[in-house]
Amino acid sequence: LLKVLSRIDSILQSPRAPPSIFRPSKGPVQNYIKENGQGCGFEHLPLTIEMWADQLTALKDLHRSLRKLSLELLPWNTKDPQDNRESIRVEDLQLIVDAILEELEHKEKNSRTQSLQTLSAIVSHFQKLFDVNSLNGVYPRMNEVYTKLGEMTNAMRNLHELLELDSSAPPTVVVDTVGKLCDIINKNVTEQVEQLLGTQDIHSIIDKLEEHESFFPPFQALIQDLLRLLEISNMDDILPAVQNLK
């Protein structure tokens, strides 16, 4: 028994043991050990061993959790030489953690590289679409495109309201509606001109316009001469002025 206790004592007093584990005991046990040339205390040793047992169990649980996390982050790494071992060491857990950290750092590095490549591709595509020759011109052209887009959006919104169209109607529907409206207006204008000139024949309309073109210039010249001779400025005053000359 003394050999076993001495062995335990040497372990507890080793530099690798936590300082709080070894505490000299007092009482009959200590006196007995001193009489036999031994100087160590073991009253709290069962509690320490129970704590170690709990920690070893918790170490297995921690290993199981780290394995689950490793399978989530590293699904291709399904082999674990420690799976079939009853005892789990801290070194085993450290290997899993190192593998996870290495993979995360690799992913972060690749993500930054891909982000820069994607951003460069987006800028190049924008330059091609909007004919921008240099990087310095990208921001001004973006502002210009944003302004133009806002103007077009407001114009389309106003057209939707004026034409009483649903706000979800595409631009093609707006254009078709405007075209139909223009056709209706042009047709009404043609009908009004025909009614004004009193004819339904296009040739008659042309003849009347030619008659108007040949009649109006001399008539206008006559009116201008009368206004000048009568010293008046309004055409409505011509008739009263002529009557006063009688």
C-alpha atoms as a PDB file:
ATOM      1  CA  LEU A   1       0.000   0.000   0.000  1.00  0.00           C
ATOM      2  CA  LEU A   2       2.823   2.359   0.865  1.00  0.00           C
ATOM      3  CA  LYS A   3       4.380   1.725  -2.539  1.00  0.00           C
ATOM      4  CA  VAL A   4       1.098   2.561  -4.241  1.00  0.00           C
ATOM      5  CA  LEU A   5       0.685   5.690  -2.144  1.00  0.00           C
ATOM      6  CA  SER A   6       4.235   6.719  -2.851  1.00  0.00           C
ATOM      7  CA  ARG A   7       3.622   6.269  -6.565  1.00  0.00           C
ATOM      8  CA  ILE A   8       0.487   8.400  -6.394  1.00  0.00           C
ATOM      9  CA  ASP A   9       2.361  10.941  -4.330  1.00  0.00           C
ATOM     10  CA  SER A  10       5.098  11.246  -6.952  1.00  0.00           C
ATOM     11  CA  ILE A  11       2.480  11.764  -9.657  1.00  0.00           C
ATOM     12  CA  LEU A  12       0.662  14.436  -7.690  1.00  0.00           C
ATOM     13  CA  GLN A  13       3.898  16.296  -6.979  1.00  0.00           C
ATOM     14  CA  SER A  14       5.113  16.189 -10.556  1.00  0.00           C
ATOM     15  CA  PRO A  15       5.344  19.512 -12.496  1.00  0.00           C
ATOM     16  CA  ARG A  16       2.569  18.358 -14.838  1.00  0.00           C
ATOM     17  CA  ALA A  17       0.032  18.013 -11.999  1.00  0.00           C
ATOM     18  CA  PRO A  18      -2.151  21.023 -11.138  1.00  0.00           C
ATOM     19  CA  PRO A  19      -0.896  22.855  -8.023  1.00  0.00           C
ATOM     20  CA  SER A  20      -4.240  22.554  -6.241  1.00  0.00           C
ATOM     21  CA  ILE A  21      -4.268  18.751  -6.322  1.00  0.00           C
ATOM     22  CA  PHE A  22      -1.607  18.019  -3.715  1.00  0.00           C
ATOM     23  CA  ARG A  23      -2.371  19.234  -0.220  1.00  0.00           C
ATOM     24  CA  PRO A  24      -0.594  17.809   2.853  1.00  0.00           C
ATOM     25  CA  SER A  25      -3.020  16.016   5.088  1.00  0.00           C
ATOM     26  CA  LYS A  26      -3.365  16.276   8.833  1.00  0.00           C
ATOM     27  CA  GLY A  27      -4.361  13.785  11.479  1.00  0.00           C
ATOM     28  CA  PRO A  28      -3.680  10.114  12.159  1.00  0.00           C
ATOM     29  CA  VAL A  29      -3.040   9.214   8.503  1.00  0.00           C
ATOM     30  CA  GLN A  30      -0.419  11.920   8.165  1.00  0.00           C
ATOM     31  CA  ASN A  31       1.229  10.863  11.443  1.00  0.00           C
ATOM     32  CA  TYR A  32       1.294   7.252  10.322  1.00  0.00           C
ATOM     33  CA  ILE A  33       2.864   8.190   6.976  1.00  0.00           C
ATOM     34  CA  LYS A  34       5.434  10.408   8.675  1.00  0.00           C
ATOM     35  CA  GLU A  35       6.401   7.598  10.986  1.00  0.00           C
ATOM     36  CA  ASN A  36       7.090   5.433   7.961  1.00  0.00           C
ATOM     37  CA  GLY A  37       9.121   8.109   6.200  1.00  0.00           C
ATOM     38  CA  GLN A  38       6.403   9.365   3.794  1.00  0.00           C
ATOM     39  CA  GLY A  39       5.128  12.973   3.648  1.00  0.00           C
ATOM     40  CA  CYS A  40       2.011  13.280   1.456  1.00  0.00           C
ATOM     41  CA  GLY A  41      -1.736  13.744   1.866  1.00  0.00           C
ATOM     42  CA  PHE A  42      -4.555  11.847   0.150  1.00  0.00           C
ATOM     43  CA  GLU A  43      -7.807  12.803   1.880  1.00  0.00           C
ATOM     44  CA  HIS A  44      -9.113  14.707  -1.154  1.00  0.00           C
ATOM     45  CA  LEU A  45      -7.793  12.227  -3.718  1.00  0.00           C
ATOM     46  CA  PRO A  46     -11.152  10.419  -4.318  1.00  0.00           C
ATOM     47  CA  LEU A  47     -12.804  13.748  -5.169  1.00  0.00           C
ATOM     48  CA  THR A  48      -9.961  14.592  -7.532  1.00  0.00           C
ATOM     49  CA  ILE A  49     -10.209  11.222  -9.247  1.00  0.00           C
ATOM     50  CA  GLU A  50     -13.993  11.682  -9.603  1.00  0.00           C
ATOM     51  CA  MET A  51     -13.370  15.113 -11.157  1.00  0.00           C
ATOM     52  CA  TRP A  52     -10.882  13.571 -13.577  1.00  0.00           C
ATOM     53  CA  ALA A  53     -13.373  10.863 -14.495  1.00  0.00           C
ATOM     54  CA  ASP A  54     -16.011  13.512 -15.196  1.00  0.00           C
ATOM     55  CA  GLN A  55     -13.544  15.473 -17.305  1.00  0.00           C
ATOM     56  CA  LEU A  56     -12.662  12.371 -19.319  1.00  0.00           C
ATOM     57  CA  THR A  57     -16.358  11.739 -19.949  1.00  0.00           C
ATOM     58  CA  ALA A  58     -16.843  15.374 -20.932  1.00  0.00           C
ATOM     59  CA  LEU A  59     -13.812  15.027 -23.210  1.00  0.00           C
ATOM     60  CA  LYS A  60     -15.580  12.231 -25.077  1.00  0.00           C
ATOM     61  CA  ASP A  61     -18.724  14.354 -25.405  1.00  0.00           C
ATOM     62  CA  LEU A  62     -16.656  17.263 -26.689  1.00  0.00           C
ATOM     63  CA  HIS A  63     -14.965  14.953 -29.183  1.00  0.00           C
ATOM     64  CA  ARG A  64     -18.380  13.753 -30.399  1.00  0.00           C
ATOM     65  CA  SER A  65     -19.582  17.349 -30.860  1.00  0.00           C
ATOM     66  CA  LEU A  66     -16.428  18.365 -32.710  1.00  0.00           C
ATOM     67  CA  ARG A  67     -16.842  15.366 -35.006  1.00  0.00           C
ATOM     68  CA  LYS A  68     -20.377  16.474 -35.866  1.00  0.00           C
ATOM     69  CA  LEU A  69     -19.127  19.992 -36.590  1.00  0.00           C
ATOM     70  CA  SER A  70     -16.301  18.580 -38.672  1.00  0.00           C
ATOM     71  CA  LEU A  71     -18.734  16.509 -40.748  1.00  0.00           C
ATOM     72  CA  GLU A  72     -20.827  19.626 -41.377  1.00  0.00           C
ATOM     73  CA  LEU A  73     -17.854  21.745 -42.476  1.00  0.00           C
ATOM     74  CA  LEU A  74     -15.729  18.962 -43.969  1.00  0.00           C
ATOM     75  CA  PRO A  75     -18.220  16.370 -45.297  1.00  0.00           C
ATOM     76  CA  TRP A  76     -15.529  14.725 -47.426  1.00  0.00           C
ATOM     77  CA  ASN A  77     -13.382  13.993 -44.359  1.00  0.00           C
ATOM     78  CA  THR A  78     -15.285  10.989 -42.970  1.00  0.00           C
ATOM     79  CA  LYS A  79     -12.316   9.122 -41.548  1.00  0.00           C
ATOM     80  CA  ASP A  80     -11.329   9.574 -37.940  1.00  0.00           C
ATOM     81  CA  PRO A  81      -8.743   7.164 -36.509  1.00  0.00           C
ATOM     82  CA  GLN A  82      -9.913   8.038 -32.978  1.00  0.00           C
ATOM     83  CA  ASP A  83     -13.512   6.886 -33.481  1.00  0.00           C
ATOM     84  CA  ASN A  84     -12.771   3.342 -32.282  1.00  0.00           C
ATOM     85  CA  ARG A  85     -10.582   4.363 -29.375  1.00  0.00           C
ATOM     86  CA  GLU A  86     -11.967   4.263 -25.872  1.00  0.00           C
ATOM     87  CA  SER A  87      -9.669   6.994 -24.557  1.00  0.00           C
ATOM     88  CA  ILE A  88      -9.718  10.435 -26.115  1.00  0.00           C
ATOM     89  CA  ARG A  89      -6.743  12.719 -25.801  1.00  0.00           C
ATOM     90  CA  VAL A  90      -6.618  16.497 -25.991  1.00  0.00           C
ATOM     91  CA  GLU A  91      -4.338  16.095 -28.992  1.00  0.00           C
ATOM     92  CA  ASP A  92      -7.158  14.344 -30.859  1.00  0.00           C
ATOM     93  CA  LEU A  93      -9.475  17.275 -30.300  1.00  0.00           C
ATOM     94  CA  GLN A  94      -6.771  19.718 -31.282  1.00  0.00           C
ATOM     95  CA  LEU A  95      -6.313  17.927 -34.626  1.00  0.00           C
ATOM     96  CA  ILE A  96     -10.024  18.281 -35.405  1.00  0.00           C
ATOM     97  CA  VAL A  97     -10.042  21.965 -34.430  1.00  0.00           C
ATOM     98  CA  ASP A  98      -6.925  22.655 -36.532  1.00  0.00           C
ATOM     99  CA  ALA A  99      -8.498  20.964 -39.559  1.00  0.00           C
ATOM    100  CA  ILE A 100     -11.676  23.044 -39.173  1.00  0.00           C
ATOM    101  CA  LEU A 101      -9.714  26.302 -38.766  1.00  0.00           C
ATOM    102  CA  GLU A 102      -7.575  25.505 -41.799  1.00  0.00           C
ATOM    103  CA  GLU A 103     -10.648  24.861 -43.921  1.00  0.00           C
ATOM    104  CA  LEU A 104     -12.324  28.075 -42.740  1.00  0.00           C
ATOM    105  CA  GLU A 105      -9.212  30.113 -43.540  1.00  0.00           C
ATOM    106  CA  HIS A 106      -9.038  28.484 -46.986  1.00  0.00           C
ATOM    107  CA  LYS A 107     -12.691  29.267 -47.663  1.00  0.00           C
ATOM    108  CA  GLU A 108     -12.275  32.864 -46.511  1.00  0.00           C
ATOM    109  CA  LYS A 109      -9.262  33.337 -48.780  1.00  0.00           C
ATOM    110  CA  ASN A 110     -11.113  31.850 -51.763  1.00  0.00           C
ATOM    111  CA  SER A 111     -14.161  33.976 -50.963  1.00  0.00           C
ATOM    112  CA  ARG A 112     -12.099  37.164 -51.033  1.00  0.00           C
ATOM    113  CA  THR A 113     -10.486  36.131 -54.321  1.00  0.00           C
ATOM    114  CA  GLN A 114     -13.832  35.242 -55.894  1.00  0.00           C
ATOM    115  CA  SER A 115     -15.349  38.493 -54.648  1.00  0.00           C
ATOM    116  CA  LEU A 116     -12.610  40.538 -56.305  1.00  0.00           C
ATOM    117  CA  GLN A 117     -12.985  38.574 -59.545  1.00  0.00           C
ATOM    118  CA  THR A 118     -16.762  38.993 -59.504  1.00  0.00           C
ATOM    119  CA  LEU A 119     -16.505  42.710 -58.785  1.00  0.00           C
ATOM    120  CA  SER A 120     -13.999  43.167 -61.610  1.00  0.00           C
ATOM    121  CA  ALA A 121     -16.287  41.287 -64.009  1.00  0.00           C
ATOM    122  CA  ILE A 122     -19.264  43.460 -63.006  1.00  0.00           C
ATOM    123  CA  VAL A 123     -17.313  46.688 -63.588  1.00  0.00           C
ATOM    124  CA  SER A 124     -16.040  45.452 -66.970  1.00  0.00           C
ATOM    125  CA  HIS A 125     -19.564  44.471 -68.018  1.00  0.00           C
ATOM    126  CA  PHE A 126     -20.883  47.894 -66.999  1.00  0.00           C
ATOM    127  CA  GLN A 127     -18.158  49.579 -69.047  1.00  0.00           C
ATOM    128  CA  LYS A 128     -19.138  47.554 -72.115  1.00  0.00           C
ATOM    129  CA  LEU A 129     -22.856  48.149 -71.703  1.00  0.00           C
ATOM    130  CA  PHE A 130     -22.619  51.915 -71.220  1.00  0.00           C
ATOM    131  CA  ASP A 131     -19.501  52.636 -73.302  1.00  0.00           C
ATOM    132  CA  VAL A 132     -17.245  53.733 -70.434  1.00  0.00           C
ATOM    133  CA  ASN A 133     -13.570  53.838 -71.432  1.00  0.00           C
ATOM    134  CA  SER A 134     -11.972  54.212 -67.994  1.00  0.00           C
ATOM    135  CA  LEU A 135     -12.646  53.368 -64.372  1.00  0.00           C
ATOM    136  CA  ASN A 136     -12.853  57.087 -63.548  1.00  0.00           C
ATOM    137  CA  GLY A 137     -15.873  57.348 -65.816  1.00  0.00           C
ATOM    138  CA  VAL A 138     -17.816  54.537 -64.147  1.00  0.00           C
ATOM    139  CA  TYR A 139     -19.234  56.622 -61.273  1.00  0.00           C
ATOM    140  CA  PRO A 140     -20.358  59.582 -63.477  1.00  0.00           C
ATOM    141  CA  ARG A 141     -22.017  57.195 -65.912  1.00  0.00           C
ATOM    142  CA  MET A 142     -23.709  55.369 -63.032  1.00  0.00           C
ATOM    143  CA  ASN A 143     -25.129  58.685 -61.820  1.00  0.00           C
ATOM    144  CA  GLU A 144     -26.271  59.514 -65.346  1.00  0.00           C
ATOM    145  CA  VAL A 145     -27.931  56.128 -65.792  1.00  0.00           C
ATOM    146  CA  TYR A 146     -29.607  56.486 -62.397  1.00  0.00           C
ATOM    147  CA  THR A 147     -30.944  59.944 -63.333  1.00  0.00           C
ATOM    148  CA  LYS A 148     -32.225  58.774 -66.715  1.00  0.00           C
ATOM    149  CA  LEU A 149     -33.827  55.741 -65.135  1.00  0.00           C
ATOM    150  CA  GLY A 150     -35.629  57.967 -62.638  1.00  0.00           C
ATOM    151  CA  GLU A 151     -36.924  60.209 -65.437  1.00  0.00           C
ATOM    152  CA  MET A 152     -38.138  57.232 -67.462  1.00  0.00           C
ATOM    153  CA  THR A 153     -39.781  55.713 -64.406  1.00  0.00           C
ATOM    154  CA  ASN A 154     -41.668  58.953 -63.683  1.00  0.00           C
ATOM    155  CA  ALA A 155     -42.676  59.285 -67.338  1.00  0.00           C
ATOM    156  CA  MET A 156     -43.989  55.726 -67.453  1.00  0.00           C
ATOM    157  CA  ARG A 157     -45.876  56.252 -64.197  1.00  0.00           C
ATOM    158  CA  ASN A 158     -47.526  59.399 -65.592  1.00  0.00           C
ATOM    159  CA  LEU A 159     -48.438  57.622 -68.834  1.00  0.00           C
ATOM    160  CA  HIS A 160     -49.993  54.762 -66.885  1.00  0.00           C
ATOM    161  CA  GLU A 161     -52.134  57.257 -64.989  1.00  0.00           C
ATOM    162  CA  LEU A 162     -53.108  59.313 -68.082  1.00  0.00           C
ATOM    163  CA  LEU A 163     -53.989  56.243 -70.129  1.00  0.00           C
ATOM    164  CA  GLU A 164     -55.731  54.633 -67.125  1.00  0.00           C
ATOM    165  CA  LEU A 165     -53.556  51.537 -67.357  1.00  0.00           C
ATOM    166  CA  ASP A 166     -52.597  49.193 -64.553  1.00  0.00           C
ATOM    167  CA  SER A 167     -49.231  50.014 -62.983  1.00  0.00           C
ATOM    168  CA  SER A 168     -47.987  46.529 -63.893  1.00  0.00           C
ATOM    169  CA  ALA A 169     -48.625  47.045 -67.628  1.00  0.00           C
ATOM    170  CA  PRO A 170     -45.341  46.607 -69.567  1.00  0.00           C
ATOM    171  CA  PRO A 171     -43.916  49.383 -71.791  1.00  0.00           C
ATOM    172  CA  THR A 172     -45.113  47.573 -74.941  1.00  0.00           C
ATOM    173  CA  VAL A 173     -48.723  47.973 -73.787  1.00  0.00           C
ATOM    174  CA  VAL A 174     -48.140  51.680 -73.127  1.00  0.00           C
ATOM    175  CA  VAL A 175     -46.677  52.164 -76.627  1.00  0.00           C
ATOM    176  CA  ASP A 176     -49.563  50.284 -78.263  1.00  0.00           C
ATOM    177  CA  THR A 177     -52.101  52.348 -76.357  1.00  0.00           C
ATOM    178  CA  VAL A 178     -50.423  55.621 -77.355  1.00  0.00           C
ATOM    179  CA  GLY A 179     -50.332  54.454 -80.988  1.00  0.00           C
ATOM    180  CA  LYS A 180     -54.052  53.659 -80.960  1.00  0.00           C
ATOM    181  CA  LEU A 181     -54.775  57.035 -79.378  1.00  0.00           C
ATOM    182  CA  CYS A 182     -52.763  58.793 -82.109  1.00  0.00           C
ATOM    183  CA  ASP A 183     -54.693  56.903 -84.792  1.00  0.00           C
ATOM    184  CA  ILE A 184     -57.981  58.014 -83.246  1.00  0.00           C
ATOM    185  CA  ILE A 185     -56.818  61.644 -83.077  1.00  0.00           C
ATOM    186  CA  ASN A 186     -55.582  61.632 -86.686  1.00  0.00           C
ATOM    187  CA  LYS A 187     -58.842  60.122 -87.855  1.00  0.00           C
ATOM    188  CA  ASN A 188     -60.860  62.761 -86.015  1.00  0.00           C
ATOM    189  CA  VAL A 189     -58.712  65.557 -87.463  1.00  0.00           C
ATOM    190  CA  THR A 190     -59.261  64.227 -90.984  1.00  0.00           C
ATOM    191  CA  GLU A 191     -63.011  64.072 -90.439  1.00  0.00           C
ATOM    192  CA  GLN A 192     -63.074  67.616 -89.064  1.00  0.00           C
ATOM    193  CA  VAL A 193     -61.129  68.940 -92.068  1.00  0.00           C
ATOM    194  CA  GLU A 194     -63.511  67.175 -94.421  1.00  0.00           C
ATOM    195  CA  GLN A 195     -66.498  68.669 -92.614  1.00  0.00           C
ATOM    196  CA  LEU A 196     -64.913  72.127 -92.608  1.00  0.00           C
ATOM    197  CA  LEU A 197     -64.241  72.041 -96.332  1.00  0.00           C
ATOM    198  CA  GLY A 198     -67.595  70.443 -97.066  1.00  0.00           C
ATOM    199  CA  THR A 199     -66.294  67.504 -99.064  1.00  0.00           C
ATOM    200  CA  GLN A 200     -65.439  63.877 -98.632  1.00  0.00           C
ATOM    201  CA  ASP A 201     -63.187  63.706-101.691  1.00  0.00           C
ATOM    202  CA  ILE A 202     -59.468  64.156-101.188  1.00  0.00           C
ATOM    203  CA  HIS A 203     -59.153  65.702-104.640  1.00  0.00           C
ATOM    204  CA  SER A 204     -61.811  68.257-103.761  1.00  0.00           C
ATOM    205  CA  ILE A 205     -59.885  69.101-100.622  1.00  0.00           C
ATOM    206  CA  ILE A 206     -56.784  69.670-102.708  1.00  0.00           C
ATOM    207  CA  ASP A 207     -58.715  71.877-105.147  1.00  0.00           C
ATOM    208  CA  LYS A 208     -60.140  73.965-102.313  1.00  0.00           C
ATOM    209  CA  LEU A 209     -56.720  74.413-100.781  1.00  0.00           C
ATOM    210  CA  GLU A 210     -55.356  75.532-104.154  1.00  0.00           C
ATOM    211  CA  GLU A 211     -58.249  77.993-104.506  1.00  0.00           C
ATOM    212  CA  HIS A 212     -57.529  79.330-101.039  1.00  0.00           C
ATOM    213  CA  GLU A 213     -53.845  79.678-101.898  1.00  0.00           C
ATOM    214  CA  SER A 214     -54.650  81.667-105.060  1.00  0.00           C
ATOM    215  CA  PHE A 215     -57.326  83.852-103.421  1.00  0.00           C
ATOM    216  CA  PHE A 216     -55.867  84.662-100.025  1.00  0.00           C
ATOM    217  CA  PRO A 217     -52.686  86.594-101.016  1.00  0.00           C
ATOM    218  CA  PRO A 218     -54.511  89.238-103.141  1.00  0.00           C
ATOM    219  CA  PHE A 219     -57.253  89.516-100.516  1.00  0.00           C
ATOM    220  CA  GLN A 220     -54.683  90.001 -97.789  1.00  0.00           C
ATOM    221  CA  ALA A 221     -52.930  92.690 -99.854  1.00  0.00           C
ATOM    222  CA  LEU A 222     -56.244  94.495-100.384  1.00  0.00           C
ATOM    223  CA  ILE A 223     -57.027  94.473 -96.681  1.00  0.00           C
ATOM    224  CA  GLN A 224     -53.563  95.841 -95.862  1.00  0.00           C
ATOM    225  CA  ASP A 225     -53.999  98.683 -98.365  1.00  0.00           C
ATOM    226  CA  LEU A 226     -57.416  99.585 -96.898  1.00  0.00           C
ATOM    227  CA  LEU A 227     -56.038  99.642 -93.380  1.00  0.00           C
ATOM    228  CA  ARG A 228     -53.219 101.918 -94.465  1.00  0.00           C
ATOM    229  CA  LEU A 229     -55.460 104.305 -96.467  1.00  0.00           C
ATOM    230  CA  LEU A 230     -58.115 104.537 -93.760  1.00  0.00           C
ATOM    231  CA  GLU A 231     -55.434 104.872 -91.101  1.00  0.00           C
ATOM    232  CA  ILE A 232     -56.889 102.154 -88.935  1.00  0.00           C
ATOM    233  CA  SER A 233     -55.331  98.988 -87.456  1.00  0.00           C
ATOM    234  CA  ASN A 234     -58.302  96.686 -86.954  1.00  0.00           C
ATOM    235  CA  MET A 235     -60.039  94.945 -89.839  1.00  0.00           C
ATOM    236  CA  ASP A 236     -63.393  95.270 -88.056  1.00  0.00           C
ATOM    237  CA  ASP A 237     -63.097  99.075 -88.328  1.00  0.00           C
ATOM    238  CA  ILE A 238     -62.914  99.033 -92.140  1.00  0.00           C
ATOM    239  CA  LEU A 239     -66.692  98.998 -92.758  1.00  0.00           C
ATOM    240  CA  PRO A 240     -67.495 101.859 -90.308  1.00  0.00           C
ATOM    241  CA  ALA A 241     -64.633 103.940 -91.779  1.00  0.00           C
ATOM    242  CA  VAL A 242     -65.911 103.491 -95.353  1.00  0.00           C
ATOM    243  CA  GLN A 243     -69.456 104.438 -94.285  1.00  0.00           C
ATOM    244  CA  ASN A 244     -68.155 107.663 -92.726  1.00  0.00           C
ATOM    245  CA  LEU A 245     -66.626 108.629 -96.072  1.00  0.00           C
ATOM    246  CA  LYS A 246     -70.065 108.852 -97.764  1.00  0.00           C
END
